[in-house]
N, C-alpha and C. Protein backbone atom coordinates (compact mmCIF):
# COMPACT_ATOMS: atom_id res chain seq x y z
N UNK A 1 0.84 -1.19 0.00
CA UNK A 1 0.00 0.00 0.00
C UNK A 1 0.88 1.25 0.00
N UNK A 2 0.60 2.17 -0.88
CA UNK A 2 1.35 3.41 -0.99
C UNK A 2 0.79 4.43 0.00
N UNK A 3 1.51 4.64 1.09
CA UNK A 3 1.05 5.60 2.10
C UNK A 3 1.49 7.00 1.72
N UNK A 4 0.62 7.95 1.93
CA UNK A 4 0.85 9.31 1.48
C UNK A 4 1.10 10.25 2.65
N UNK A 5 1.35 11.51 2.31
CA UNK A 5 1.57 12.56 3.30
C UNK A 5 0.29 13.35 3.49
N UNK A 6 0.12 13.89 4.70
CA UNK A 6 -1.07 14.67 5.03
C UNK A 6 -0.66 15.91 5.81
N UNK A 7 -1.23 17.05 5.44
CA UNK A 7 -1.07 18.28 6.22
C UNK A 7 -2.41 18.64 6.82
N UNK A 8 -2.39 19.02 8.09
CA UNK A 8 -3.61 19.43 8.79
C UNK A 8 -3.51 20.92 9.06
N UNK A 9 -4.56 21.66 8.67
CA UNK A 9 -4.61 23.10 8.89
C UNK A 9 -5.92 23.41 9.60
N UNK A 10 -5.84 24.11 10.72
CA UNK A 10 -7.04 24.48 11.46
C UNK A 10 -7.51 25.88 11.09
N UNK A 11 -8.82 26.07 11.14
CA UNK A 11 -9.40 27.39 10.86
C UNK A 11 -10.44 27.70 11.94
N UNK A 12 -10.00 28.29 13.04
CA UNK A 12 -10.91 28.57 14.15
C UNK A 12 -11.75 29.82 13.90
N UNK A 13 -12.97 29.63 13.46
CA UNK A 13 -13.82 30.79 13.22
C UNK A 13 -15.24 30.50 13.67
N UNK A 14 -15.95 31.55 14.00
CA UNK A 14 -17.33 31.39 14.45
C UNK A 14 -18.27 32.38 13.75
N UNK A 15 -17.88 32.85 12.59
CA UNK A 15 -18.70 33.81 11.86
C UNK A 15 -20.06 33.20 11.52
N UNK A 16 -21.11 33.89 11.87
CA UNK A 16 -22.45 33.44 11.56
C UNK A 16 -23.01 32.40 12.52
N UNK A 17 -22.26 32.04 13.54
CA UNK A 17 -22.72 31.03 14.49
C UNK A 17 -23.29 31.69 15.74
N UNK A 18 -24.37 31.15 16.24
CA UNK A 18 -24.98 31.68 17.45
C UNK A 18 -24.42 31.01 18.71
N UNK A 19 -23.80 29.86 18.56
CA UNK A 19 -23.28 29.14 19.72
C UNK A 19 -21.84 29.54 20.01
N UNK A 20 -21.55 29.69 21.28
CA UNK A 20 -20.19 30.01 21.68
C UNK A 20 -19.34 28.75 21.65
N UNK A 21 -18.08 28.91 21.30
CA UNK A 21 -17.15 27.79 21.37
C UNK A 21 -16.91 27.06 20.07
N UNK A 22 -17.66 27.38 19.00
CA UNK A 22 -17.44 26.67 17.75
C UNK A 22 -16.06 26.95 17.17
N UNK A 23 -15.46 28.07 17.55
CA UNK A 23 -14.11 28.37 17.07
C UNK A 23 -13.05 27.50 17.74
N UNK A 24 -13.44 26.73 18.73
CA UNK A 24 -12.50 25.84 19.41
C UNK A 24 -12.45 24.45 18.76
N UNK A 25 -13.17 24.27 17.66
CA UNK A 25 -13.21 22.98 16.97
C UNK A 25 -11.86 22.41 16.61
N UNK A 26 -10.98 23.18 15.94
CA UNK A 26 -9.67 22.63 15.58
C UNK A 26 -8.86 22.15 16.78
N UNK A 27 -8.86 22.91 17.86
CA UNK A 27 -8.09 22.47 19.03
C UNK A 27 -8.73 21.26 19.70
N UNK A 28 -10.05 21.16 19.66
CA UNK A 28 -10.73 20.00 20.23
C UNK A 28 -10.41 18.73 19.44
N UNK A 29 -10.34 18.85 18.13
CA UNK A 29 -10.01 17.69 17.29
C UNK A 29 -8.57 17.25 17.55
N UNK A 30 -7.67 18.22 17.71
CA UNK A 30 -6.28 17.86 18.02
C UNK A 30 -6.19 17.21 19.40
N UNK A 31 -6.89 17.76 20.37
CA UNK A 31 -6.88 17.22 21.73
C UNK A 31 -7.41 15.78 21.75
N UNK A 32 -8.35 15.48 20.87
CA UNK A 32 -8.93 14.13 20.80
C UNK A 32 -7.97 13.13 20.16
N UNK A 33 -6.85 13.60 19.60
CA UNK A 33 -5.84 12.70 19.08
C UNK A 33 -5.96 12.36 17.60
N UNK A 34 -6.41 13.31 16.80
CA UNK A 34 -6.58 13.04 15.37
C UNK A 34 -5.26 12.63 14.72
N UNK A 35 -4.15 13.24 15.11
CA UNK A 35 -2.86 12.90 14.50
C UNK A 35 -2.50 11.44 14.76
N UNK A 36 -2.67 10.99 15.98
CA UNK A 36 -2.35 9.60 16.32
C UNK A 36 -3.24 8.62 15.57
N UNK A 37 -4.50 8.96 15.43
CA UNK A 37 -5.44 8.05 14.77
C UNK A 37 -5.19 7.95 13.27
N UNK A 38 -4.65 9.01 12.68
CA UNK A 38 -4.41 9.01 11.24
C UNK A 38 -3.07 8.38 10.85
N UNK A 39 -2.22 8.09 11.83
CA UNK A 39 -0.91 7.52 11.53
C UNK A 39 -1.00 6.17 10.83
N UNK A 40 -2.07 5.45 11.01
CA UNK A 40 -2.21 4.15 10.34
C UNK A 40 -2.54 4.32 8.85
N UNK A 41 -2.94 5.51 8.44
CA UNK A 41 -3.32 5.74 7.04
C UNK A 41 -2.29 6.55 6.25
N UNK A 42 -1.49 7.36 6.95
CA UNK A 42 -0.57 8.25 6.27
C UNK A 42 0.85 8.04 6.78
N UNK A 43 1.80 8.13 5.86
CA UNK A 43 3.20 7.96 6.19
C UNK A 43 3.71 9.14 7.02
N UNK A 44 3.33 10.34 6.61
CA UNK A 44 3.75 11.55 7.32
C UNK A 44 2.54 12.44 7.57
N UNK A 45 2.47 13.00 8.77
CA UNK A 45 1.41 13.93 9.12
C UNK A 45 2.06 15.20 9.66
N UNK A 46 1.73 16.32 9.04
CA UNK A 46 2.28 17.61 9.47
C UNK A 46 1.12 18.50 9.91
N UNK A 47 1.11 18.85 11.18
CA UNK A 47 0.10 19.77 11.69
C UNK A 47 0.64 21.18 11.52
N UNK A 48 0.02 21.94 10.64
CA UNK A 48 0.47 23.29 10.31
C UNK A 48 -0.06 24.34 11.28
N UNK A 49 -0.82 23.92 12.28
CA UNK A 49 -1.39 24.87 13.23
C UNK A 49 -2.65 25.51 12.69
N UNK A 50 -3.04 26.61 13.29
CA UNK A 50 -4.26 27.30 12.90
C UNK A 50 -3.94 28.52 12.02
N UNK A 51 -4.84 28.79 11.11
CA UNK A 51 -4.76 30.00 10.30
C UNK A 51 -5.23 31.17 11.16
N UNK A 52 -4.50 32.26 11.12
CA UNK A 52 -4.89 33.45 11.88
C UNK A 52 -6.09 34.11 11.21
N UNK A 53 -7.17 34.26 11.95
CA UNK A 53 -8.38 34.91 11.45
C UNK A 53 -8.47 36.27 12.11
N UNK A 54 -8.66 37.27 11.35
CA UNK A 54 -8.76 38.56 12.01
C UNK A 54 -8.82 39.65 11.09
């Protein structure tokens, strides 16, 4: 199986949302261990952090 590379980019934004905390989605996914879970599918995983919104 040819394993590929993956880059993860977070975009914490809550524009148009009425609920508080939706901008914390990218950090919640990282905290849940998305990088570790994807290691079985990808040879390399690079977490590029969050895009600055402002």
